[in-house]
Structures are given as C-alpha cells and as structure tokens.
PDB file of N, CA and C in Angstrom:
ATOM      1  N   MET A   1     -24.831  58.579  23.605  1.00  0.00           N
ATOM      2  CA  MET A   1     -23.743  57.608  23.736  1.00  0.00           C
ATOM      3  C   MET A   1     -24.265  56.252  24.211  1.00  0.00           C
ATOM      4  N   ILE A   2     -25.232  56.264  25.132  1.00  0.00           N
ATOM      5  CA  ILE A   2     -25.788  55.006  25.639  1.00  0.00           C
ATOM      6  C   ILE A   2     -26.512  54.267  24.509  1.00  0.00           C
ATOM      7  N   CYS A   3     -27.235  55.019  23.672  1.00  0.00           N
ATOM      8  CA  CYS A   3     -27.953  54.394  22.557  1.00  0.00           C
ATOM      9  C   CYS A   3     -26.972  53.713  21.606  1.00  0.00           C
ATOM     10  N   ASN A   4     -25.857  54.355  21.338  1.00  0.00           N
ATOM     11  CA  ASN A   4     -24.876  53.756  20.438  1.00  0.00           C
ATOM     12  C   ASN A   4     -24.310  52.466  21.025  1.00  0.00           C
ATOM     13  N   ASN A   5     -23.986  52.492  22.322  1.00  0.00           N
ATOM     14  CA  ASN A   5     -23.465  51.284  22.965  1.00  0.00           C
ATOM     15  C   ASN A   5     -24.507  50.165  22.954  1.00  0.00           C
ATOM     16  N   ASP A   6     -25.761  50.513  23.218  1.00  0.00           N
ATOM     17  CA  ASP A   6     -26.826  49.504  23.173  1.00  0.00           C
ATOM     18  C   ASP A   6     -26.978  48.932  21.774  1.00  0.00           C
ATOM     19  N   HIS A   7     -26.863  49.832  20.803  1.00  0.00           N
ATOM     20  CA  HIS A   7     -26.995  49.378  19.417  1.00  0.00           C
ATOM     21  C   HIS A   7     -25.860  48.412  19.054  1.00  0.00           C
ATOM     22  N   ILE A   8     -24.628  48.741  19.469  1.00  0.00           N
ATOM     23  CA  ILE A   8     -23.483  47.863  19.204  1.00  0.00           C
ATOM     24  C   ILE A   8     -23.669  46.526  19.916  1.00  0.00           C
ATOM     25  N   PHE A   9     -24.158  46.572  21.167  1.00  0.00           N
ATOM     26  CA  PHE A   9     -24.393  45.339  21.917  1.00  0.00           C
ATOM     27  C   PHE A   9     -25.418  44.445  21.203  1.00  0.00           C
ATOM     28  N   LEU A  10     -26.487  45.064  20.706  1.00  0.00           N
ATOM     29  CA  LEU A  10     -27.511  44.288  20.004  1.00  0.00           C
ATOM     30  C   LEU A  10     -26.957  43.688  18.707  1.00  0.00           C
ATOM     31  N   LEU A  11     -26.127  44.426  18.002  1.00  0.00           N
ATOM     32  CA  LEU A  11     -25.526  43.883  16.780  1.00  0.00           C
ATOM     33  C   LEU A  11     -24.631  42.681  17.090  1.00  0.00           C
ATOM     34  N   VAL A  12     -23.816  42.800  18.153  1.00  0.00           N
ATOM     35  CA  VAL A  12     -22.941  41.688  18.540  1.00  0.00           C
ATOM     36  C   VAL A  12     -23.786  40.491  18.962  1.00  0.00           C
ATOM     37  N   LEU A  13     -24.852  40.739  19.728  1.00  0.00           N
ATOM     38  CA  LEU A  13     -25.748  39.660  20.165  1.00  0.00           C
ATOM     39  C   LEU A  13     -26.397  38.988  18.957  1.00  0.00           C
ATOM     40  N   TYR A  14     -26.848  39.793  18.005  1.00  0.00           N
ATOM     41  CA  TYR A  14     -27.465  39.246  16.788  1.00  0.00           C
ATOM     42  C   TYR A  14     -26.469  38.393  16.011  1.00  0.00           C
ATOM     43  N   ASP A  15     -25.222  38.883  15.875  1.00  0.00           N
ATOM     44  CA  ASP A  15     -24.209  38.128  15.134  1.00  0.00           C
ATOM     45  C   ASP A  15     -23.917  36.797  15.815  1.00  0.00           C
ATOM     46  N   CYS A  16     -23.779  36.813  17.132  1.00  0.00           N
ATOM     47  CA  CYS A  16     -23.506  35.567  17.859  1.00  0.00           C
ATOM     48  C   CYS A  16     -24.673  34.594  17.701  1.00  0.00           C
ATOM     49  N   PHE A  17     -25.892  35.120  17.792  1.00  0.00           N
ATOM     50  CA  PHE A  17     -27.081  34.279  17.695  1.00  0.00           C
ATOM     51  C   PHE A  17     -27.199  33.670  16.305  1.00  0.00           C
ATOM     52  N   SER A  18     -26.982  34.479  15.280  1.00  0.00           N
ATOM     53  CA  SER A  18     -27.115  33.978  13.908  1.00  0.00           C
ATOM     54  C   SER A  18     -26.019  32.959  13.597  1.00  0.00           C
ATOM     55  N   VAL A  19     -24.807  33.180  14.119  1.00  0.00           N
ATOM     56  CA  VAL A  19     -23.728  32.214  13.903  1.00  0.00           C
ATOM     57  C   VAL A  19     -24.070  30.888  14.560  1.00  0.00           C
ATOM     58  N   LYS A  20     -24.635  30.946  15.779  1.00  0.00           N
ATOM     59  CA  LYS A  20     -25.031  29.711  16.464  1.00  0.00           C
ATOM     60  C   LYS A  20     -26.095  28.973  15.665  1.00  0.00           C
ATOM     61  N   ILE A  21     -27.090  29.700  15.157  1.00  0.00           N
ATOM     62  CA  ILE A  21     -28.148  29.078  14.366  1.00  0.00           C
ATOM     63  C   ILE A  21     -27.561  28.445  13.105  1.00  0.00           C
ATOM     64  N   LEU A  22     -26.680  29.170  12.416  1.00  0.00           N
ATOM     65  CA  LEU A  22     -26.097  28.649  11.184  1.00  0.00           C
ATOM     66  C   LEU A  22     -25.180  27.458  11.461  1.00  0.00           C
ATOM     67  N   GLN A  23     -24.444  27.496  12.608  1.00  0.00           N
ATOM     68  CA  GLN A  23     -23.617  26.345  12.963  1.00  0.00           C
ATOM     69  C   GLN A  23     -24.494  25.128  13.215  1.00  0.00           C
ATOM     70  N   TYR A  24     -25.606  25.331  13.911  1.00  0.00           N
ATOM     71  CA  TYR A  24     -26.540  24.234  14.174  1.00  0.00           C
ATOM     72  C   TYR A  24     -27.089  23.677  12.869  1.00  0.00           C
ATOM     73  N   ASN A  25     -27.434  24.564  11.935  1.00  0.00           N
ATOM     74  CA  ASN A  25     -27.978  24.113  10.656  1.00  0.00           C
ATOM     75  C   ASN A  25     -26.933  23.378   9.827  1.00  0.00           C
ATOM     76  N   MET A  26     -25.673  23.805   9.910  1.00  0.00           N
ATOM     77  CA  MET A  26     -24.629  23.112   9.159  1.00  0.00           C
ATOM     78  C   MET A  26     -24.402  21.711   9.726  1.00  0.00           C
ATOM     79  N   VAL A  27     -24.438  21.582  11.056  1.00  0.00           N
ATOM     80  CA  VAL A  27     -24.320  20.252  11.667  1.00  0.00           C
ATOM     81  C   VAL A  27     -25.477  19.378  11.206  1.00  0.00           C
ATOM     82  N   LEU A  28     -26.682  19.946  11.225  1.00  0.00           N
ATOM     83  CA  LEU A  28     -27.861  19.214  10.761  1.00  0.00           C
ATOM     84  C   LEU A  28     -27.706  18.807   9.306  1.00  0.00           C
ATOM     85  N   TYR A  29     -27.164  19.706   8.507  1.00  0.00           N
ATOM     86  CA  TYR A  29     -26.971  19.427   7.084  1.00  0.00           C
ATOM     87  C   TYR A  29     -25.977  18.282   6.879  1.00  0.00           C
ATOM     88  N   PHE A  30     -24.847  18.304   7.603  1.00  0.00           N
ATOM     89  CA  PHE A  30     -23.849  17.258   7.422  1.00  0.00           C
ATOM     90  C   PHE A  30     -24.346  15.913   7.940  1.00  0.00           C
ATOM     91  N   VAL A  31     -25.125  15.928   9.025  1.00  0.00           N
ATOM     92  CA  VAL A  31     -25.724  14.677   9.508  1.00  0.00           C
ATOM     93  C   VAL A  31     -26.677  14.127   8.460  1.00  0.00           C
ATOM     94  N   THR A  32     -27.447  15.018   7.839  1.00  0.00           N
ATOM     95  CA  THR A  32     -28.374  14.591   6.793  1.00  0.00           C
ATOM     96  C   THR A  32     -27.623  14.009   5.606  1.00  0.00           C
ATOM     97  N   VAL A  33     -26.504  14.642   5.228  1.00  0.00           N
ATOM     98  CA  VAL A  33     -25.700  14.120   4.117  1.00  0.00           C
ATOM     99  C   VAL A  33     -25.169  12.735   4.464  1.00  0.00           C
ATOM    100  N   LYS A  34     -24.729  12.560   5.707  1.00  0.00           N
ATOM    101  CA  LYS A  34     -24.215  11.254   6.124  1.00  0.00           C
ATOM    102  C   LYS A  34     -25.297  10.177   6.000  1.00  0.00           C
ATOM    103  N   TYR A  35     -26.509  10.491   6.490  1.00  0.00           N
ATOM    104  CA  TYR A  35     -27.594   9.519   6.385  1.00  0.00           C
ATOM    105  C   TYR A  35     -28.009   9.310   4.933  1.00  0.00           C
ATOM    106  N   PHE A  36     -27.968  10.362   4.136  1.00  0.00           N
ATOM    107  CA  PHE A  36     -28.296  10.240   2.719  1.00  0.00           C
ATOM    108  C   PHE A  36     -27.332   9.270   2.036  1.00  0.00           C
ATOM    109  N   LEU A  37     -26.042   9.395   2.325  1.00  0.00           N
ATOM    110  CA  LEU A  37     -25.056   8.494   1.717  1.00  0.00           C
ATOM    111  C   LEU A  37     -25.258   7.058   2.195  1.00  0.00           C
ATOM    112  N   ALA A  38     -25.603   6.891   3.470  1.00  0.00           N
ATOM    113  CA  ALA A  38     -25.876   5.541   3.970  1.00  0.00           C
ATOM    114  C   ALA A  38     -27.084   4.941   3.258  1.00  0.00           C
ATOM    115  N   PHE A  39     -28.133   5.743   3.070  1.00  0.00           N
ATOM    116  CA  PHE A  39     -29.307   5.257   2.346  1.00  0.00           C
ATOM    117  C   PHE A  39     -28.955   4.939   0.895  1.00  0.00           C
ATOM    118  N   MET A  40     -28.115   5.777   0.284  1.00  0.00           N
ATOM    119  CA  MET A  40     -27.737   5.526  -1.099  1.00  0.00           C
ATOM    120  C   MET A  40     -26.987   4.193  -1.223  1.00  0.00           C
ATOM    121  N   TYR A  41     -26.169   3.877  -0.234  1.00  0.00           N
ATOM    122  CA  TYR A  41     -25.470   2.587  -0.246  1.00  0.00           C
ATOM    123  C   TYR A  41     -26.478   1.441  -0.169  1.00  0.00           C
ATOM    124  N   LEU A  42     -27.465   1.578   0.725  1.00  0.00           N
ATOM    125  CA  LEU A  42     -28.488   0.539   0.835  1.00  0.00           C
ATOM    126  C   LEU A  42     -29.295   0.427  -0.451  1.00  0.00           C
ATOM    127  N   TYR A  43     -29.583   1.564  -1.081  1.00  0.00           N
ATOM    128  CA  TYR A  43     -30.346   1.529  -2.334  1.00  0.00           C
ATOM    129  C   TYR A  43     -29.523   0.915  -3.463  1.00  0.00           C
ATOM    130  N   PHE A  44     -28.214   1.140  -3.422  1.00  0.00           N
ATOM    131  CA  PHE A  44     -27.355   0.517  -4.421  1.00  0.00           C
ATOM    132  C   PHE A  44     -27.395  -1.006  -4.274  1.00  0.00           C
ATOM    133  N   LEU A  45     -27.353  -1.477  -3.023  1.00  0.00           N
ATOM    134  CA  LEU A  45     -27.471  -2.919  -2.787  1.00  0.00           C
ATOM    135  C   LEU A  45     -28.828  -3.428  -3.249  1.00  0.00           C
ATOM    136  N   ALA A  46     -29.888  -2.648  -2.968  1.00  0.00           N
ATOM    137  CA  ALA A  46     -31.225  -3.043  -3.411  1.00  0.00           C
ATOM    138  C   ALA A  46     -31.305  -3.056  -4.936  1.00  0.00           C
ATOM    139  N   PHE A  47     -30.651  -2.082  -5.565  1.00  0.00           N
ATOM    140  CA  PHE A  47     -30.627  -2.012  -7.027  1.00  0.00           C
ATOM    141  C   PHE A  47     -29.949  -3.256  -7.612  1.00  0.00           C
ATOM    142  N   LEU A  48     -28.822  -3.660  -7.014  1.00  0.00           N
ATOM    143  CA  LEU A  48     -28.160  -4.881  -7.462  1.00  0.00           C
ATOM    144  C   LEU A  48     -29.073  -6.083  -7.270  1.00  0.00           C
ATOM    145  N   ASN A  49     -29.813  -6.071  -6.174  1.00  0.00           N
ATOM    146  CA  ASN A  49     -30.704  -7.182  -5.872  1.00  0.00           C
ATOM    147  C   ASN A  49     -31.872  -7.257  -6.854  1.00  0.00           C
ATOM    148  N   ILE A  50     -32.253  -6.120  -7.447  1.00  0.00           N
ATOM    149  CA  ILE A  50     -33.349  -6.113  -8.417  1.00  0.00           C
ATOM    150  C   ILE A  50     -32.945  -6.897  -9.664  1.00  0.00           C
ATOM    151  N   PHE A  51     -31.716  -6.710 -10.121  1.00  0.00           N
ATOM    152  CA  PHE A  51     -31.291  -7.304 -11.377  1.00  0.00           C
ATOM    153  C   PHE A  51     -30.536  -8.623 -11.203  1.00  0.00           C
ATOM    154  N   PHE A  52     -29.968  -8.824 -10.008  1.00  0.00           N
ATOM    155  CA  PHE A  52     -29.231 -10.063  -9.750  1.00  0.00           C
ATOM    156  C   PHE A  52     -29.849 -10.738  -8.530  1.00  0.00           C
ATOM    157  N   LYS A  53     -31.066 -11.205  -8.698  1.00  0.00           N
ATOM    158  CA  LYS A  53     -31.824 -11.730  -7.554  1.00  0.00           C
ATOM    159  C   LYS A  53     -31.420 -13.175  -7.280  1.00  0.00           C
ATOM    160  N   ARG A  54     -30.753 -13.380  -6.163  1.00  0.00           N
ATOM    161  CA  ARG A  54     -30.441 -14.719  -5.674  1.00  0.00           C
ATOM    162  C   ARG A  54     -30.616 -14.692  -4.172  1.00  0.00           C
ATOM    163  N   GLY A  55     -31.803 -14.931  -3.715  1.00  0.00           N
ATOM    164  CA  GLY A  55     -32.057 -14.807  -2.287  1.00  0.00           C
ATOM    165  C   GLY A  55     -31.996 -13.341  -1.910  1.00  0.00           C
ATOM    166  N   GLY A  56     -31.297 -13.038  -0.870  1.00  0.00           N
ATOM    167  CA  GLY A  56     -31.085 -11.646  -0.492  1.00  0.00           C
ATOM    168  C   GLY A  56     -32.237 -11.054   0.308  1.00  0.00           C
ATOM    169  N   TYR A  57     -32.208  -9.735   0.423  1.00  0.00           N
ATOM    170  CA  TYR A  57     -33.114  -9.014   1.315  1.00  0.00           C
ATOM    171  C   TYR A  57     -34.577  -9.187   0.930  1.00  0.00           C
ATOM    172  N   PHE A  58     -34.887  -9.180  -0.376  1.00  0.00           N
ATOM    173  CA  PHE A  58     -36.276  -9.205  -0.817  1.00  0.00           C
ATOM    174  C   PHE A  58     -36.832 -10.618  -0.986  1.00  0.00           C
ATOM    175  N   SER A  59     -36.007 -11.610  -0.818  1.00  0.00           N
ATOM    176  CA  SER A  59     -36.426 -12.980  -1.112  1.00  0.00           C
ATOM    177  C   SER A  59     -37.526 -13.443  -0.162  1.00  0.00           C
ATOM    178  N   GLY A  60     -38.603 -13.968  -0.762  1.00  0.00           N
ATOM    179  CA  GLY A  60     -39.692 -14.521   0.035  1.00  0.00           C
ATOM    180  C   GLY A  60     -40.587 -13.493   0.682  1.00  0.00           C
ATOM    181  N   THR A  61     -40.475 -12.214   0.309  1.00  0.00           N
ATOM    182  CA  THR A  61     -41.309 -11.172   0.882  1.00  0.00           C
ATOM    183  C   THR A  61     -42.274 -10.654  -0.178  1.00  0.00           C
ATOM    184  N   VAL A  62     -43.117  -9.697   0.197  1.00  0.00           N
ATOM    185  CA  VAL A  62     -44.055  -9.110  -0.766  1.00  0.00           C
ATOM    186  C   VAL A  62     -43.317  -8.297  -1.834  1.00  0.00           C
ATOM    187  N   TYR A  63     -42.033  -7.994  -1.610  1.00  0.00           N
ATOM    188  CA  TYR A  63     -41.255  -7.223  -2.571  1.00  0.00           C
ATOM    189  C   TYR A  63     -40.589  -8.111  -3.614  1.00  0.00           C
ATOM    190  N   ASP A  64     -40.947  -9.400  -3.628  1.00  0.00           N
ATOM    191  CA  ASP A  64     -40.269 -10.330  -4.527  1.00  0.00           C
ATOM    192  C   ASP A  64     -40.507 -10.012  -6.001  1.00  0.00           C
ATOM    193  N   HIS A  65     -41.614  -9.379  -6.318  1.00  0.00           N
ATOM    194  CA  HIS A  65     -41.893  -9.049  -7.714  1.00  0.00           C
ATOM    195  C   HIS A  65     -40.934  -7.938  -8.160  1.00  0.00           C
ATOM    196  N   LYS A  66     -40.364  -8.090  -9.357  1.00  0.00           N
ATOM    197  CA  LYS A  66     -39.322  -7.161  -9.826  1.00  0.00           C
ATOM    198  C   LYS A  66     -39.818  -5.722  -9.891  1.00  0.00           C
ATOM    199  N   TYR A  67     -41.011  -5.482 -10.438  1.00  0.00           N
ATOM    200  CA  TYR A  67     -41.493  -4.112 -10.594  1.00  0.00           C
ATOM    201  C   TYR A  67     -41.858  -3.483  -9.256  1.00  0.00           C
ATOM    202  N   HIS A  68     -42.288  -4.292  -8.326  1.00  0.00           N
ATOM    203  CA  HIS A  68     -42.557  -3.799  -6.975  1.00  0.00           C
ATOM    204  C   HIS A  68     -41.262  -3.307  -6.328  1.00  0.00           C
ATOM    205  N   ARG A  69     -40.197  -4.067  -6.522  1.00  0.00           N
ATOM    206  CA  ARG A  69     -38.909  -3.675  -5.948  1.00  0.00           C
ATOM    207  C   ARG A  69     -38.371  -2.414  -6.629  1.00  0.00           C
ATOM    208  N   VAL A  70     -38.544  -2.313  -7.942  1.00  0.00           N
ATOM    209  CA  VAL A  70     -38.105  -1.109  -8.659  1.00  0.00           C
ATOM    210  C   VAL A  70     -38.869   0.114  -8.167  1.00  0.00           C
ATOM    211  N   PHE A  71     -40.193  -0.035  -7.977  1.00  0.00           N
ATOM    212  CA  PHE A  71     -41.005   1.080  -7.485  1.00  0.00           C
ATOM    213  C   PHE A  71     -40.512   1.557  -6.127  1.00  0.00           C
ATOM    214  N   HIS A  72     -40.253   0.619  -5.203  1.00  0.00           N
ATOM    215  CA  HIS A  72     -39.796   1.017  -3.871  1.00  0.00           C
ATOM    216  C   HIS A  72     -38.414   1.654  -3.928  1.00  0.00           C
ATOM    217  N   PHE A  73     -37.568   1.153  -4.780  1.00  0.00           N
ATOM    218  CA  PHE A  73     -36.234   1.741  -4.934  1.00  0.00           C
ATOM    219  C   PHE A  73     -36.345   3.199  -5.382  1.00  0.00           C
ATOM    220  N   VAL A  74     -37.142   3.468  -6.409  1.00  0.00           N
ATOM    221  CA  VAL A  74     -37.292   4.831  -6.934  1.00  0.00           C
ATOM    222  C   VAL A  74     -37.992   5.726  -5.919  1.00  0.00           C
ATOM    223  N   TYR A  75     -38.992   5.199  -5.229  1.00  0.00           N
ATOM    224  CA  TYR A  75     -39.739   5.972  -4.236  1.00  0.00           C
ATOM    225  C   TYR A  75     -38.823   6.445  -3.104  1.00  0.00           C
ATOM    226  N   PHE A  76     -38.050   5.532  -2.531  1.00  0.00           N
ATOM    227  CA  PHE A  76     -37.163   5.910  -1.428  1.00  0.00           C
ATOM    228  C   PHE A  76     -36.009   6.783  -1.906  1.00  0.00           C
ATOM    229  N   LEU A  77     -35.549   6.568  -3.119  1.00  0.00           N
ATOM    230  CA  LEU A  77     -34.511   7.424  -3.680  1.00  0.00           C
ATOM    231  C   LEU A  77     -35.006   8.866  -3.802  1.00  0.00           C
ATOM    232  N   PHE A  78     -36.230   9.029  -4.314  1.00  0.00           N
ATOM    233  CA  PHE A  78     -36.823  10.368  -4.441  1.00  0.00           C
ATOM    234  C   PHE A  78     -36.935  11.050  -3.083  1.00  0.00           C
ATOM    235  N   HIS A  79     -37.382  10.311  -2.072  1.00  0.00           N
ATOM    236  CA  HIS A  79     -37.531  10.912  -0.747  1.00  0.00           C
ATOM    237  C   HIS A  79     -36.187  11.267  -0.126  1.00  0.00           C
ATOM    238  N   SER A  80     -35.159  10.494  -0.397  1.00  0.00           N
ATOM    239  CA  SER A  80     -33.832  10.835   0.126  1.00  0.00           C
ATOM    240  C   SER A  80     -33.309  12.119  -0.504  1.00  0.00           C
ATOM    241  N   ILE A  81     -33.487  12.261  -1.803  1.00  0.00           N
ATOM    242  CA  ILE A  81     -33.038  13.484  -2.483  1.00  0.00           C
ATOM    243  C   ILE A  81     -33.836  14.678  -1.986  1.00  0.00           C
ATOM    244  N   LEU A  82     -35.130  14.502  -1.798  1.00  0.00           N
ATOM    245  CA  LEU A  82     -35.970  15.580  -1.268  1.00  0.00           C
ATOM    246  C   LEU A  82     -35.513  15.995   0.123  1.00  0.00           C
ATOM    247  N   MET A  83     -35.205  15.021   0.975  1.00  0.00           N
ATOM    248  CA  MET A  83     -34.726  15.296   2.327  1.00  0.00           C
ATOM    249  C   MET A  83     -33.407  16.061   2.286  1.00  0.00           C
ATOM    250  N   LEU A  84     -32.517  15.669   1.381  1.00  0.00           N
ATOM    251  CA  LEU A  84     -31.206  16.314   1.296  1.00  0.00           C
ATOM    252  C   LEU A  84     -31.333  17.786   0.912  1.00  0.00           C
ATOM    253  N   PHE A  85     -32.194  18.096  -0.050  1.00  0.00           N
ATOM    254  CA  PHE A  85     -32.296  19.470  -0.533  1.00  0.00           C
ATOM    255  C   PHE A  85     -33.243  20.338   0.283  1.00  0.00           C
ATOM    256  N   SER A  86     -33.930  19.759   1.270  1.00  0.00           N
ATOM    257  CA  SER A  86     -34.783  20.583   2.120  1.00  0.00           C
ATOM    258  C   SER A  86     -33.977  21.311   3.195  1.00  0.00           C
ATOM    259  N   ILE A  87     -32.789  20.831   3.526  1.00  0.00           N
ATOM    260  CA  ILE A  87     -31.992  21.447   4.597  1.00  0.00           C
ATOM    261  C   ILE A  87     -31.517  22.850   4.227  1.00  0.00           C
ATOM    262  N   PRO A  88     -30.970  23.112   3.026  1.00  0.00           N
ATOM    263  CA  PRO A  88     -30.602  24.501   2.702  1.00  0.00           C
ATOM    264  C   PRO A  88     -31.792  25.456   2.742  1.00  0.00           C
ATOM    265  N   VAL A  89     -32.979  24.957   2.422  1.00  0.00           N
ATOM    266  CA  VAL A  89     -34.175  25.801   2.513  1.00  0.00           C
ATOM    267  C   VAL A  89     -34.427  26.184   3.965  1.00  0.00           C
ATOM    268  N   LEU A  90     -34.258  25.237   4.894  1.00  0.00           N
ATOM    269  CA  LEU A  90     -34.424  25.540   6.313  1.00  0.00           C
ATOM    270  C   LEU A  90     -33.395  26.566   6.786  1.00  0.00           C
ATOM    271  N   VAL A  91     -32.162  26.442   6.318  1.00  0.00           N
ATOM    272  CA  VAL A  91     -31.129  27.421   6.680  1.00  0.00           C
ATOM    273  C   VAL A  91     -31.541  28.806   6.187  1.00  0.00           C
ATOM    274  N   HIS A  92     -32.033  28.886   4.966  1.00  0.00           N
ATOM    275  CA  HIS A  92     -32.441  30.170   4.399  1.00  0.00           C
ATOM    276  C   HIS A  92     -33.605  30.773   5.193  1.00  0.00           C
ATOM    277  N   VAL A  93     -34.584  29.946   5.541  1.00  0.00           N
ATOM    278  CA  VAL A  93     -35.746  30.435   6.298  1.00  0.00           C
ATOM    279  C   VAL A  93     -35.320  30.915   7.672  1.00  0.00           C
ATOM    280  N   HIS A  94     -34.436  30.173   8.357  1.00  0.00           N
ATOM    281  CA  HIS A  94     -33.965  30.606   9.678  1.00  0.00           C
ATOM    282  C   HIS A  94     -33.233  31.934   9.581  1.00  0.00           C
ATOM    283  N   HIS A  95     -32.436  32.105   8.535  1.00  0.00           N
ATOM    284  CA  HIS A  95     -31.705  33.362   8.360  1.00  0.00           C
ATOM    285  C   HIS A  95     -32.677  34.519   8.149  1.00  0.00           C
ATOM    286  N   LYS A  96     -33.704  34.295   7.341  1.00  0.00           N
ATOM    287  CA  LYS A  96     -34.704  35.351   7.110  1.00  0.00           C
ATOM    288  C   LYS A  96     -35.461  35.677   8.387  1.00  0.00           C
ATOM    289  N   LEU A  97     -35.779  34.660   9.185  1.00  0.00           N
ATOM    290  CA  LEU A  97     -36.481  34.899  10.451  1.00  0.00           C
ATOM    291  C   LEU A  97     -35.604  35.681  11.424  1.00  0.00           C
ATOM    292  N   LEU A  98     -34.303  35.386  11.434  1.00  0.00           N
ATOM    293  CA  LEU A  98     -33.397  36.144  12.295  1.00  0.00           C
ATOM    294  C   LEU A  98     -33.387  37.620  11.910  1.00  0.00           C
ATOM    295  N   ILE A  99     -33.342  37.881  10.616  1.00  0.00           N
ATOM    296  CA  ILE A  99     -33.333  39.270  10.147  1.00  0.00           C
ATOM    297  C   ILE A  99     -34.660  39.945  10.494  1.00  0.00           C
ATOM    298  N   LEU A 100     -35.749  39.213  10.358  1.00  0.00           N
ATOM    299  CA  LEU A 100     -37.075  39.785  10.562  1.00  0.00           C
ATOM    300  C   LEU A 100     -37.349  40.084  12.035  1.00  0.00           C
ATOM    301  N   TYR A 101     -36.954  39.190  12.935  1.00  0.00           N
ATOM    302  CA  TYR A 101     -37.361  39.305  14.341  1.00  0.00           C
ATOM    303  C   TYR A 101     -36.273  39.795  15.283  1.00  0.00           C
ATOM    304  N   THR A 102     -35.095  40.155  14.766  1.00  0.00           N
ATOM    305  CA  THR A 102     -34.073  40.686  15.679  1.00  0.00           C
ATOM    306  C   THR A 102     -33.644  42.060  15.227  1.00  0.00           C
TER     307      THR A 102
END
C-alpha cells in the first residue's frame, strides 16, 4: 500500500513539474513571437527603405548601397525565422528530458 501511495505521489509531482516546464516554455514562446513580430515590423520599414530611399535609417552609413541593405534584410529575416522555430524544438527536448529523468 505504501508503494502505491508513493507511486501516485511521484506521478502527481511529475505532472505538476512537467506542467510548470511547459507553462514556462509557452511564455518563452509567446515572448519570442512578440519580439519576432517587432523585428518583422522593423524589417518591413527597412524593406521600404531599400526601394524608396530618401534619407532614413540607412542614409549616410555603410549600408547605403542597395545590395548591402538587401543582404542585411534577408540575413536578419532568416535569423528571426530560425529563432521563432527553435522554441518548439526546445519544448520537445524538455518534455523528452522530463520523461527520461523522472
């Protein structure tokens, strides 16, 4: 009887722990989405600046050349998308680690 109660206690503890981890990961995911959208807005402004250059953020800097600005736009866009899709992978890995070590 004691073993059964201990087993039930461990299952409840595991469930609470995994829910906390998943809640933390979901908060992290939504924060990442928020920053991703903010970056996308900035990239949209940069994109407009590439084709409609009248002063603006890149004026008078090393990014003044059109192809240089396009390269940086695509580079940062790629990294933002990579950052966004890495969070579900972290959630999956944490879930597997919980199963493995508890």
